[in-house]
Amino acid sequence: TRVLTSHDPQAALAEADLVLGLKDGRASFVGAPEQLSAAKL
């Protein structure tokens, strides 16, 4: 099992099965990489 961060979000998305998007300490997005829209990213 891996939990990773990266300065390159596209590279991280390519490795991910699941994404947690943080915005000001809150979970702004939780879901599969393909569910994360360009606008949300």
PDB file of all heavy atoms in Angstrom:
ATOM      1  N   THR A   1       0.848  -1.187   0.000  1.00  0.00           N
ATOM      2  CA  THR A   1       0.000   0.000   0.000  1.00  0.00           C
ATOM      3  C   THR A   1       0.886   1.239   0.000  1.00  0.00           C
ATOM      4  O   THR A   1       1.889   1.287   0.712  1.00  0.00           O
ATOM      5  CB  THR A   1      -0.900   0.009   1.247  1.00  0.00           C
ATOM      6  OG1 THR A   1      -1.613  -1.226   1.320  1.00  0.00           O
ATOM      7  CG2 THR A   1      -1.886   1.163   1.213  1.00  0.00           C
ATOM      8  N   ARG A   2       0.522   2.234  -0.804  1.00  0.00           N
ATOM      9  CA  ARG A   2       1.328   3.453  -0.870  1.00  0.00           C
ATOM     10  C   ARG A   2       0.454   4.686  -0.688  1.00  0.00           C
ATOM     11  O   ARG A   2      -0.668   4.746  -1.195  1.00  0.00           O
ATOM     12  CB  ARG A   2       2.049   3.573  -2.217  1.00  0.00           C
ATOM     13  CG  ARG A   2       3.013   2.437  -2.539  1.00  0.00           C
ATOM     14  CD  ARG A   2       3.751   2.698  -3.846  1.00  0.00           C
ATOM     15  NE  ARG A   2       2.811   2.924  -4.936  1.00  0.00           N
ATOM     16  CZ  ARG A   2       3.088   3.665  -6.019  1.00  0.00           C
ATOM     17  NH1 ARG A   2       4.243   4.269  -6.159  1.00  0.00           N
ATOM     18  NH2 ARG A   2       2.186   3.810  -6.983  1.00  0.00           N
ATOM     19  N   VAL A   3       0.994   5.668   0.023  1.00  0.00           N
ATOM     20  CA  VAL A   3       0.410   7.000   0.095  1.00  0.00           C
ATOM     21  C   VAL A   3       1.483   7.958  -0.390  1.00  0.00           C
ATOM     22  O   VAL A   3       2.591   7.974   0.168  1.00  0.00           O
ATOM     23  CB  VAL A   3      -0.033   7.368   1.523  1.00  0.00           C
ATOM     24  CG1 VAL A   3      -0.627   8.781   1.553  1.00  0.00           C
ATOM     25  CG2 VAL A   3      -1.033   6.355   2.059  1.00  0.00           C
ATOM     26  N   LEU A   4       1.192   8.728  -1.423  1.00  0.00           N
ATOM     27  CA  LEU A   4       2.240   9.561  -1.994  1.00  0.00           C
ATOM     28  C   LEU A   4       1.755  10.977  -2.266  1.00  0.00           C
ATOM     29  O   LEU A   4       0.582  11.217  -2.508  1.00  0.00           O
ATOM     30  CB  LEU A   4       2.799   8.939  -3.278  1.00  0.00           C
ATOM     31  CG  LEU A   4       1.905   8.805  -4.507  1.00  0.00           C
ATOM     32  CD1 LEU A   4       1.989  10.047  -5.385  1.00  0.00           C
ATOM     33  CD2 LEU A   4       2.303   7.598  -5.334  1.00  0.00           C
ATOM     34  N   THR A   5       2.700  11.907  -2.178  1.00  0.00           N
ATOM     35  CA  THR A   5       2.495  13.273  -2.622  1.00  0.00           C
ATOM     36  C   THR A   5       3.505  13.551  -3.724  1.00  0.00           C
ATOM     37  O   THR A   5       4.539  12.885  -3.819  1.00  0.00           O
ATOM     38  CB  THR A   5       2.701  14.299  -1.496  1.00  0.00           C
ATOM     39  OG1 THR A   5       4.107  14.406  -1.203  1.00  0.00           O
ATOM     40  CG2 THR A   5       1.941  13.901  -0.234  1.00  0.00           C
ATOM     41  N   SER A   6       3.214  14.539  -4.555  1.00  0.00           N
ATOM     42  CA  SER A   6       4.138  14.900  -5.621  1.00  0.00           C
ATOM     43  C   SER A   6       3.894  16.342  -6.027  1.00  0.00           C
ATOM     44  O   SER A   6       2.755  16.816  -6.017  1.00  0.00           O
ATOM     45  CB  SER A   6       3.951  13.977  -6.833  1.00  0.00           C
ATOM     46  OG  SER A   6       4.737  14.419  -7.927  1.00  0.00           O
ATOM     47  N   HIS A   7       4.971  17.036  -6.394  1.00  0.00           N
ATOM     48  CA  HIS A   7       4.815  18.389  -6.919  1.00  0.00           C
ATOM     49  C   HIS A   7       4.227  18.358  -8.321  1.00  0.00           C
ATOM     50  O   HIS A   7       3.803  19.381  -8.843  1.00  0.00           O
ATOM     51  CB  HIS A   7       6.183  19.098  -6.940  1.00  0.00           C
ATOM     52  CG  HIS A   7       7.138  18.521  -7.949  1.00  0.00           C
ATOM     53  ND1 HIS A   7       7.901  17.399  -7.691  1.00  0.00           N
ATOM     54  CD2 HIS A   7       7.433  18.893  -9.217  1.00  0.00           C
ATOM     55  CE1 HIS A   7       8.636  17.112  -8.757  1.00  0.00           C
ATOM     56  NE2 HIS A   7       8.374  17.995  -9.693  1.00  0.00           N
ATOM     57  N   ASP A   8       4.203  17.170  -8.919  1.00  0.00           N
ATOM     58  CA  ASP A   8       3.661  16.983 -10.267  1.00  0.00           C
ATOM     59  C   ASP A   8       2.354  16.204 -10.160  1.00  0.00           C
ATOM     60  O   ASP A   8       2.358  14.970 -10.109  1.00  0.00           O
ATOM     61  CB  ASP A   8       4.672  16.220 -11.124  1.00  0.00           C
ATOM     62  CG  ASP A   8       4.212  16.046 -12.565  1.00  0.00           C
ATOM     63  OD1 ASP A   8       3.024  16.294 -12.845  1.00  0.00           O
ATOM     64  OD2 ASP A   8       5.040  15.644 -13.398  1.00  0.00           O
ATOM     65  N   PRO A   9       1.202  16.884 -10.117  1.00  0.00           N
ATOM     66  CA  PRO A   9      -0.067  16.175  -9.911  1.00  0.00           C
ATOM     67  C   PRO A   9      -0.379  15.164 -11.006  1.00  0.00           C
ATOM     68  O   PRO A   9      -0.947  14.105 -10.728  1.00  0.00           O
ATOM     69  CB  PRO A   9      -1.106  17.299  -9.857  1.00  0.00           C
ATOM     70  CG  PRO A   9      -0.463  18.479 -10.488  1.00  0.00           C
ATOM     71  CD  PRO A   9       0.992  18.339 -10.209  1.00  0.00           C
ATOM     72  N   GLN A  10       0.009  15.455 -12.241  1.00  0.00           N
ATOM     73  CA  GLN A  10      -0.283  14.513 -13.318  1.00  0.00           C
ATOM     74  C   GLN A  10       0.489  13.212 -13.132  1.00  0.00           C
ATOM     75  O   GLN A  10      -0.039  12.119 -13.382  1.00  0.00           O
ATOM     76  CB  GLN A  10       0.043  15.147 -14.684  1.00  0.00           C
ATOM     77  CG  GLN A  10      -0.827  16.345 -15.036  1.00  0.00           C
ATOM     78  CD  GLN A  10      -2.305  15.998 -15.122  1.00  0.00           C
ATOM     79  OE1 GLN A  10      -2.678  14.850 -15.359  1.00  0.00           O
ATOM     80  NE2 GLN A  10      -3.166  16.994 -14.927  1.00  0.00           N
ATOM     81  N   ALA A  11       1.731  13.312 -12.681  1.00  0.00           N
ATOM     82  CA  ALA A  11       2.518  12.108 -12.413  1.00  0.00           C
ATOM     83  C   ALA A  11       1.909  11.308 -11.266  1.00  0.00           C
ATOM     84  O   ALA A  11       1.848  10.076 -11.316  1.00  0.00           O
ATOM     85  CB  ALA A  11       3.961  12.491 -12.094  1.00  0.00           C
ATOM     86  N   ALA A  12       1.444  12.008 -10.237  1.00  0.00           N
ATOM     87  CA  ALA A  12       0.822  11.326  -9.109  1.00  0.00           C
ATOM     88  C   ALA A  12      -0.477  10.643  -9.525  1.00  0.00           C
ATOM     89  O   ALA A  12      -0.758   9.510  -9.112  1.00  0.00           O
ATOM     90  CB  ALA A  12       0.554  12.324  -7.982  1.00  0.00           C
ATOM     91  N   LEU A  13      -1.276  11.312 -10.351  1.00  0.00           N
ATOM     92  CA  LEU A  13      -2.529  10.724 -10.822  1.00  0.00           C
ATOM     93  C   LEU A  13      -2.276   9.454 -11.630  1.00  0.00           C
ATOM     94  O   LEU A  13      -3.055   8.494 -11.554  1.00  0.00           O
ATOM     95  CB  LEU A  13      -3.298  11.738 -11.667  1.00  0.00           C
ATOM     96  CG  LEU A  13      -3.953  12.886 -10.901  1.00  0.00           C
ATOM     97  CD1 LEU A  13      -4.467  13.949 -11.876  1.00  0.00           C
ATOM     98  CD2 LEU A  13      -5.083  12.374 -10.034  1.00  0.00           C
ATOM     99  N   ALA A  14      -1.180   9.439 -12.381  1.00  0.00           N
ATOM    100  CA  ALA A  14      -0.860   8.265 -13.193  1.00  0.00           C
ATOM    101  C   ALA A  14      -0.537   7.052 -12.334  1.00  0.00           C
ATOM    102  O   ALA A  14      -0.690   5.909 -12.783  1.00  0.00           O
ATOM    103  CB  ALA A  14       0.314   8.584 -14.126  1.00  0.00           C
ATOM    104  N   GLU A  15      -0.107   7.287 -11.098  1.00  0.00           N
ATOM    105  CA  GLU A  15       0.253   6.190 -10.196  1.00  0.00           C
ATOM    106  C   GLU A  15      -0.876   5.775  -9.271  1.00  0.00           C
ATOM    107  O   GLU A  15      -0.798   4.764  -8.596  1.00  0.00           O
ATOM    108  CB  GLU A  15       1.445   6.604  -9.323  1.00  0.00           C
ATOM    109  CG  GLU A  15       2.745   6.810 -10.061  1.00  0.00           C
ATOM    110  CD  GLU A  15       3.910   6.867  -9.080  1.00  0.00           C
ATOM    111  OE1 GLU A  15       4.190   5.850  -8.434  1.00  0.00           O
ATOM    112  OE2 GLU A  15       4.512   7.944  -8.965  1.00  0.00           O
ATOM    113  N   ALA A  16      -1.937   6.575  -9.219  1.00  0.00           N
ATOM    114  CA  ALA A  16      -2.924   6.441  -8.141  1.00  0.00           C
ATOM    115  C   ALA A  16      -4.085   5.520  -8.495  1.00  0.00           C
ATOM    116  O   ALA A  16      -4.521   5.438  -9.639  1.00  0.00           O
ATOM    117  CB  ALA A  16      -3.465   7.819  -7.772  1.00  0.00           C
ATOM    118  N   ASP A  17      -4.584   4.836  -7.465  1.00  0.00           N
ATOM    119  CA  ASP A  17      -5.868   4.136  -7.536  1.00  0.00           C
ATOM    120  C   ASP A  17      -6.964   4.992  -6.910  1.00  0.00           C
ATOM    121  O   ASP A  17      -8.143   4.837  -7.232  1.00  0.00           O
ATOM    122  CB  ASP A  17      -5.792   2.803  -6.784  1.00  0.00           C
ATOM    123  CG  ASP A  17      -4.713   1.899  -7.334  1.00  0.00           C
ATOM    124  OD1 ASP A  17      -4.807   1.504  -8.502  1.00  0.00           O
ATOM    125  OD2 ASP A  17      -3.754   1.587  -6.584  1.00  0.00           O
ATOM    126  N   LEU A  18      -6.560   5.869  -6.000  1.00  0.00           N
ATOM    127  CA  LEU A  18      -7.481   6.712  -5.254  1.00  0.00           C
ATOM    128  C   LEU A  18      -6.813   8.065  -5.033  1.00  0.00           C
ATOM    129  O   LEU A  18      -5.588   8.128  -4.863  1.00  0.00           O
ATOM    130  CB  LEU A  18      -7.807   6.058  -3.902  1.00  0.00           C
ATOM    131  CG  LEU A  18      -8.783   6.756  -2.956  1.00  0.00           C
ATOM    132  CD1 LEU A  18     -10.184   6.795  -3.564  1.00  0.00           C
ATOM    133  CD2 LEU A  18      -8.814   6.040  -1.606  1.00  0.00           C
ATOM    134  N   VAL A  19      -7.623   9.135  -5.029  1.00  0.00           N
ATOM    135  CA  VAL A  19      -7.076  10.488  -4.866  1.00  0.00           C
ATOM    136  C   VAL A  19      -7.761  11.170  -3.695  1.00  0.00           C
ATOM    137  O   VAL A  19      -8.989  11.107  -3.539  1.00  0.00           O
ATOM    138  CB  VAL A  19      -7.295  11.323  -6.142  1.00  0.00           C
ATOM    139  CG1 VAL A  19      -6.799  12.759  -5.935  1.00  0.00           C
ATOM    140  CG2 VAL A  19      -6.592  10.684  -7.333  1.00  0.00           C
ATOM    141  N   LEU A  20      -6.944  11.817  -2.865  1.00  0.00           N
ATOM    142  CA  LEU A  20      -7.438  12.710  -1.823  1.00  0.00           C
ATOM    143  C   LEU A  20      -6.939  14.101  -2.163  1.00  0.00           C
ATOM    144  O   LEU A  20      -5.727  14.355  -2.169  1.00  0.00           O
ATOM    145  CB  LEU A  20      -6.927  12.280  -0.449  1.00  0.00           C
ATOM    146  CG  LEU A  20      -7.142  13.254   0.710  1.00  0.00           C
ATOM    147  CD1 LEU A  20      -8.633  13.488   0.960  1.00  0.00           C
ATOM    148  CD2 LEU A  20      -6.448  12.756   1.979  1.00  0.00           C
ATOM    149  N   GLY A  21      -7.857  15.002  -2.467  1.00  0.00           N
ATOM    150  CA  GLY A  21      -7.493  16.381  -2.770  1.00  0.00           C
ATOM    151  C   GLY A  21      -7.717  17.258  -1.558  1.00  0.00           C
ATOM    152  O   GLY A  21      -8.843  17.340  -1.052  1.00  0.00           O
ATOM    153  N   LEU A  22      -6.675  17.901  -1.074  1.00  0.00           N
ATOM    154  CA  LEU A  22      -6.760  18.767   0.101  1.00  0.00           C
ATOM    155  C   LEU A  22      -6.764  20.228  -0.313  1.00  0.00           C
ATOM    156  O   LEU A  22      -5.971  20.646  -1.164  1.00  0.00           O
ATOM    157  CB  LEU A  22      -5.593  18.502   1.051  1.00  0.00           C
ATOM    158  CG  LEU A  22      -5.539  17.133   1.724  1.00  0.00           C
ATOM    159  CD1 LEU A  22      -4.273  17.009   2.570  1.00  0.00           C
ATOM    160  CD2 LEU A  22      -6.770  16.894   2.587  1.00  0.00           C
ATOM    161  N   LYS A  23      -7.648  20.985   0.312  1.00  0.00           N
ATOM    162  CA  LYS A  23      -7.735  22.427   0.078  1.00  0.00           C
ATOM    163  C   LYS A  23      -7.877  23.099   1.435  1.00  0.00           C
ATOM    164  O   LYS A  23      -8.870  22.908   2.139  1.00  0.00           O
ATOM    165  CB  LYS A  23      -8.953  22.739  -0.802  1.00  0.00           C
ATOM    166  CG  LYS A  23      -9.164  24.212  -1.091  1.00  0.00           C
ATOM    167  CD  LYS A  23      -8.238  24.708  -2.176  1.00  0.00           C
ATOM    168  CE  LYS A  23      -8.635  26.115  -2.622  1.00  0.00           C
ATOM    169  NZ  LYS A  23      -7.733  26.648  -3.643  1.00  0.00           N
ATOM    170  N   ASP A  24      -6.839  23.824   1.840  1.00  0.00           N
ATOM    171  CA  ASP A  24      -6.852  24.504   3.145  1.00  0.00           C
ATOM    172  C   ASP A  24      -7.177  23.532   4.275  1.00  0.00           C
ATOM    173  O   ASP A  24      -7.928  23.854   5.200  1.00  0.00           O
ATOM    174  CB  ASP A  24      -7.856  25.657   3.139  1.00  0.00           C
ATOM    175  CG  ASP A  24      -7.516  26.712   2.099  1.00  0.00           C
ATOM    176  OD1 ASP A  24      -6.313  26.948   1.876  1.00  0.00           O
ATOM    177  OD2 ASP A  24      -8.447  27.282   1.508  1.00  0.00           O
ATOM    178  N   GLY A  25      -6.598  22.334   4.195  1.00  0.00           N
ATOM    179  CA  GLY A  25      -6.753  21.352   5.267  1.00  0.00           C
ATOM    180  C   GLY A  25      -8.007  20.515   5.209  1.00  0.00           C
ATOM    181  O   GLY A  25      -8.192  19.612   6.030  1.00  0.00           O
ATOM    182  N   ARG A  26      -8.880  20.791   4.257  1.00  0.00           N
ATOM    183  CA  ARG A  26     -10.122  20.024   4.126  1.00  0.00           C
ATOM    184  C   ARG A  26     -10.025  19.060   2.944  1.00  0.00           C
ATOM    185  O   ARG A  26      -9.317  19.321   1.973  1.00  0.00           O
ATOM    186  CB  ARG A  26     -11.304  20.962   3.894  1.00  0.00           C
ATOM    187  CG  ARG A  26     -11.592  21.921   5.042  1.00  0.00           C
ATOM    188  CD  ARG A  26     -12.762  22.825   4.676  1.00  0.00           C
ATOM    189  NE  ARG A  26     -13.026  23.828   5.696  1.00  0.00           N
ATOM    190  CZ  ARG A  26     -13.841  23.648   6.730  1.00  0.00           C
ATOM    191  NH1 ARG A  26     -14.465  22.475   6.883  1.00  0.00           N
ATOM    192  NH2 ARG A  26     -14.034  24.613   7.614  1.00  0.00           N
ATOM    193  N   ALA A  27     -10.783  17.971   3.028  1.00  0.00           N
ATOM    194  CA  ALA A  27     -10.865  17.036   1.909  1.00  0.00           C
ATOM    195  C   ALA A  27     -11.824  17.614   0.878  1.00  0.00           C
ATOM    196  O   ALA A  27     -13.042  17.517   1.015  1.00  0.00           O
ATOM    197  CB  ALA A  27     -11.339  15.679   2.395  1.00  0.00           C
ATOM    198  N   SER A  28     -11.267  18.223  -0.162  1.00  0.00           N
ATOM    199  CA  SER A  28     -12.077  18.845  -1.201  1.00  0.00           C
ATOM    200  C   SER A  28     -12.506  17.833  -2.255  1.00  0.00           C
ATOM    201  O   SER A  28     -13.491  18.048  -2.964  1.00  0.00           O
ATOM    202  CB  SER A  28     -11.287  19.983  -1.859  1.00  0.00           C
ATOM    203  OG  SER A  28     -12.021  20.600  -2.872  1.00  0.00           O
ATOM    204  N   PHE A  29     -11.744  16.726  -2.357  1.00  0.00           N
ATOM    205  CA  PHE A  29     -12.075  15.663  -3.313  1.00  0.00           C
ATOM    206  C   PHE A  29     -11.576  14.337  -2.778  1.00  0.00           C
ATOM    207  O   PHE A  29     -10.443  14.239  -2.304  1.00  0.00           O
ATOM    208  CB  PHE A  29     -11.434  15.939  -4.684  1.00  0.00           C
ATOM    209  CG  PHE A  29     -11.647  14.826  -5.674  1.00  0.00           C
ATOM    210  CD1 PHE A  29     -12.781  14.792  -6.454  1.00  0.00           C
ATOM    211  CD2 PHE A  29     -10.719  13.804  -5.797  1.00  0.00           C
ATOM    212  CE1 PHE A  29     -13.001  13.747  -7.356  1.00  0.00           C
ATOM    213  CE2 PHE A  29     -10.922  12.762  -6.696  1.00  0.00           C
ATOM    214  CZ  PHE A  29     -12.066  12.739  -7.483  1.00  0.00           C
ATOM    215  N   VAL A  30     -12.408  13.306  -2.873  1.00  0.00           N
ATOM    216  CA  VAL A  30     -12.002  11.927  -2.593  1.00  0.00           C
ATOM    217  C   VAL A  30     -12.646  11.057  -3.654  1.00  0.00           C
ATOM    218  O   VAL A  30     -13.876  11.062  -3.813  1.00  0.00           O
ATOM    219  CB  VAL A  30     -12.440  11.452  -1.192  1.00  0.00           C
ATOM    220  CG1 VAL A  30     -11.991  10.013  -0.968  1.00  0.00           C
ATOM    221  CG2 VAL A  30     -11.897  12.356  -0.101  1.00  0.00           C
ATOM    222  N   GLY A  31     -11.829  10.332  -4.408  1.00  0.00           N
ATOM    223  CA  GLY A  31     -12.392   9.484  -5.450  1.00  0.00           C
ATOM    224  C   GLY A  31     -11.318   8.917  -6.349  1.00  0.00           C
ATOM    225  O   GLY A  31     -10.115   9.085  -6.111  1.00  0.00           O
ATOM    226  N   ALA A  32     -11.739   8.241  -7.407  1.00  0.00           N
ATOM    227  CA  ALA A  32     -10.815   7.660  -8.376  1.00  0.00           C
ATOM    228  C   ALA A  32     -10.195   8.757  -9.242  1.00  0.00           C
ATOM    229  O   ALA A  32     -10.805   9.814  -9.437  1.00  0.00           O
ATOM    230  CB  ALA A  32     -11.564   6.653  -9.252  1.00  0.00           C
ATOM    231  N   PRO A  33      -8.991   8.521  -9.762  1.00  0.00           N
ATOM    232  CA  PRO A  33      -8.327   9.551 -10.577  1.00  0.00           C
ATOM    233  C   PRO A  33      -9.179  10.009 -11.761  1.00  0.00           C
ATOM    234  O   PRO A  33      -9.203  11.201 -12.080  1.00  0.00           O
ATOM    235  CB  PRO A  33      -7.049   8.857 -11.047  1.00  0.00           C
ATOM    236  CG  PRO A  33      -6.799   7.784 -10.058  1.00  0.00           C
ATOM    237  CD  PRO A  33      -8.133   7.337  -9.576  1.00  0.00           C
ATOM    238  N   GLU A  34      -9.880   9.078 -12.396  1.00  0.00           N
ATOM    239  CA  GLU A  34     -10.665   9.441 -13.569  1.00  0.00           C
ATOM    240  C   GLU A  34     -11.886  10.287 -13.223  1.00  0.00           C
ATOM    241  O   GLU A  34     -12.498  10.896 -14.107  1.00  0.00           O
ATOM    242  CB  GLU A  34     -11.101   8.181 -14.325  1.00  0.00           C
ATOM    243  CG  GLU A  34     -11.936   7.205 -13.527  1.00  0.00           C
ATOM    244  CD  GLU A  34     -11.108   6.157 -12.812  1.00  0.00           C
ATOM    245  OE1 GLU A  34      -9.889   6.379 -12.620  1.00  0.00           O
ATOM    246  OE2 GLU A  34     -11.678   5.115 -12.447  1.00  0.00           O
ATOM    247  N   GLN A  35     -12.229  10.358 -11.938  1.00  0.00           N
ATOM    248  CA  GLN A  35     -13.357  11.188 -11.515  1.00  0.00           C
ATOM    249  C   GLN A  35     -12.940  12.629 -11.213  1.00  0.00           C
ATOM    250  O   GLN A  35     -13.802  13.492 -11.007  1.00  0.00           O
ATOM    251  CB  GLN A  35     -14.004  10.581 -10.263  1.00  0.00           C
ATOM    252  CG  GLN A  35     -14.628   9.216 -10.490  1.00  0.00           C
ATOM    253  CD  GLN A  35     -15.107   8.588  -9.195  1.00  0.00           C
ATOM    254  OE1 GLN A  35     -14.465   8.717  -8.149  1.00  0.00           O
ATOM    255  NE2 GLN A  35     -16.225   7.897  -9.245  1.00  0.00           N
ATOM    256  N   LEU A  36     -11.640  12.879 -11.187  1.00  0.00           N
ATOM    257  CA  LEU A  36     -11.135  14.219 -10.881  1.00  0.00           C
ATOM    258  C   LEU A  36     -11.074  15.041 -12.157  1.00  0.00           C
ATOM    259  O   LEU A  36     -10.239  14.803 -13.028  1.00  0.00           O
ATOM    260  CB  LEU A  36      -9.750  14.124 -10.235  1.00  0.00           C
ATOM    261  CG  LEU A  36      -9.088  15.442  -9.845  1.00  0.00           C
ATOM    262  CD1 LEU A  36      -9.912  16.187  -8.795  1.00  0.00           C
ATOM    263  CD2 LEU A  36      -7.665  15.196  -9.331  1.00  0.00           C
ATOM    264  N   SER A  37     -11.957  16.013 -12.269  1.00  0.00           N
ATOM    265  CA  SER A  37     -12.000  16.842 -13.476  1.00  0.00           C
ATOM    266  C   SER A  37     -10.833  17.820 -13.507  1.00  0.00           C
ATOM    267  O   SER A  37     -10.221  18.133 -12.472  1.00  0.00           O
ATOM    268  CB  SER A  37     -13.313  17.630 -13.527  1.00  0.00           C
ATOM    269  OG  SER A  37     -13.352  18.588 -12.481  1.00  0.00           O
ATOM    270  N   ALA A  38     -10.531  18.310 -14.698  1.00  0.00           N
ATOM    271  CA  ALA A  38      -9.466  19.302 -14.846  1.00  0.00           C
ATOM    272  C   ALA A  38      -9.785  20.560 -14.042  1.00  0.00           C
ATOM    273  O   ALA A  38      -8.895  21.174 -13.438  1.00  0.00           O
ATOM    274  CB  ALA A  38      -9.271  19.640 -16.320  1.00  0.00           C
ATOM    275  N   ALA A  39     -11.064  20.921 -14.013  1.00  0.00           N
ATOM    276  CA  ALA A  39     -11.466  22.114 -13.266  1.00  0.00           C
ATOM    277  C   ALA A  39     -11.257  21.909 -11.771  1.00  0.00           C
ATOM    278  O   ALA A  39     -10.792  22.827 -11.064  1.00  0.00           O
ATOM    279  CB  ALA A  39     -12.930  22.444 -13.552  1.00  0.00           C
ATOM    280  N   LYS A  40     -11.594  20.725 -11.269  1.00  0.00           N
ATOM    281  CA  LYS A  40     -11.419  20.450  -9.840  1.00  0.00           C
ATOM    282  C   LYS A  40      -9.938  20.400  -9.483  1.00  0.00           C
ATOM    283  O   LYS A  40      -9.520  20.893  -8.432  1.00  0.00           O
ATOM    284  CB  LYS A  40     -12.093  19.121  -9.494  1.00  0.00           C
ATOM    285  CG  LYS A  40     -12.106  18.825  -7.989  1.00  0.00           C
ATOM    286  CD  LYS A  40     -12.917  19.860  -7.238  1.00  0.00           C
ATOM    287  CE  LYS A  40     -13.018  19.550  -5.771  1.00  0.00           C
ATOM    288  NZ  LYS A  40     -13.792  20.561  -5.018  1.00  0.00           N
ATOM    289  N   LEU A  41      -9.135  19.825 -10.363  1.00  0.00           N
ATOM    290  CA  LEU A  41      -7.690  19.779 -10.136  1.00  0.00           C
ATOM    291  C   LEU A  41      -7.124  21.195 -10.063  1.00  0.00           C
ATOM    292  O   LEU A  41      -6.315  21.520  -9.187  1.00  0.00           O
ATOM    293  CB  LEU A  41      -7.006  18.970 -11.232  1.00  0.00           C
ATOM    294  CG  LEU A  41      -5.491  18.832 -11.111  1.00  0.00           C
ATOM    295  CD1 LEU A  41      -5.085  18.131  -9.827  1.00  0.00           C
ATOM    296  CD2 LEU A  41      -4.934  18.066 -12.337  1.00  0.00           C
TER     297      LEU A  41
END
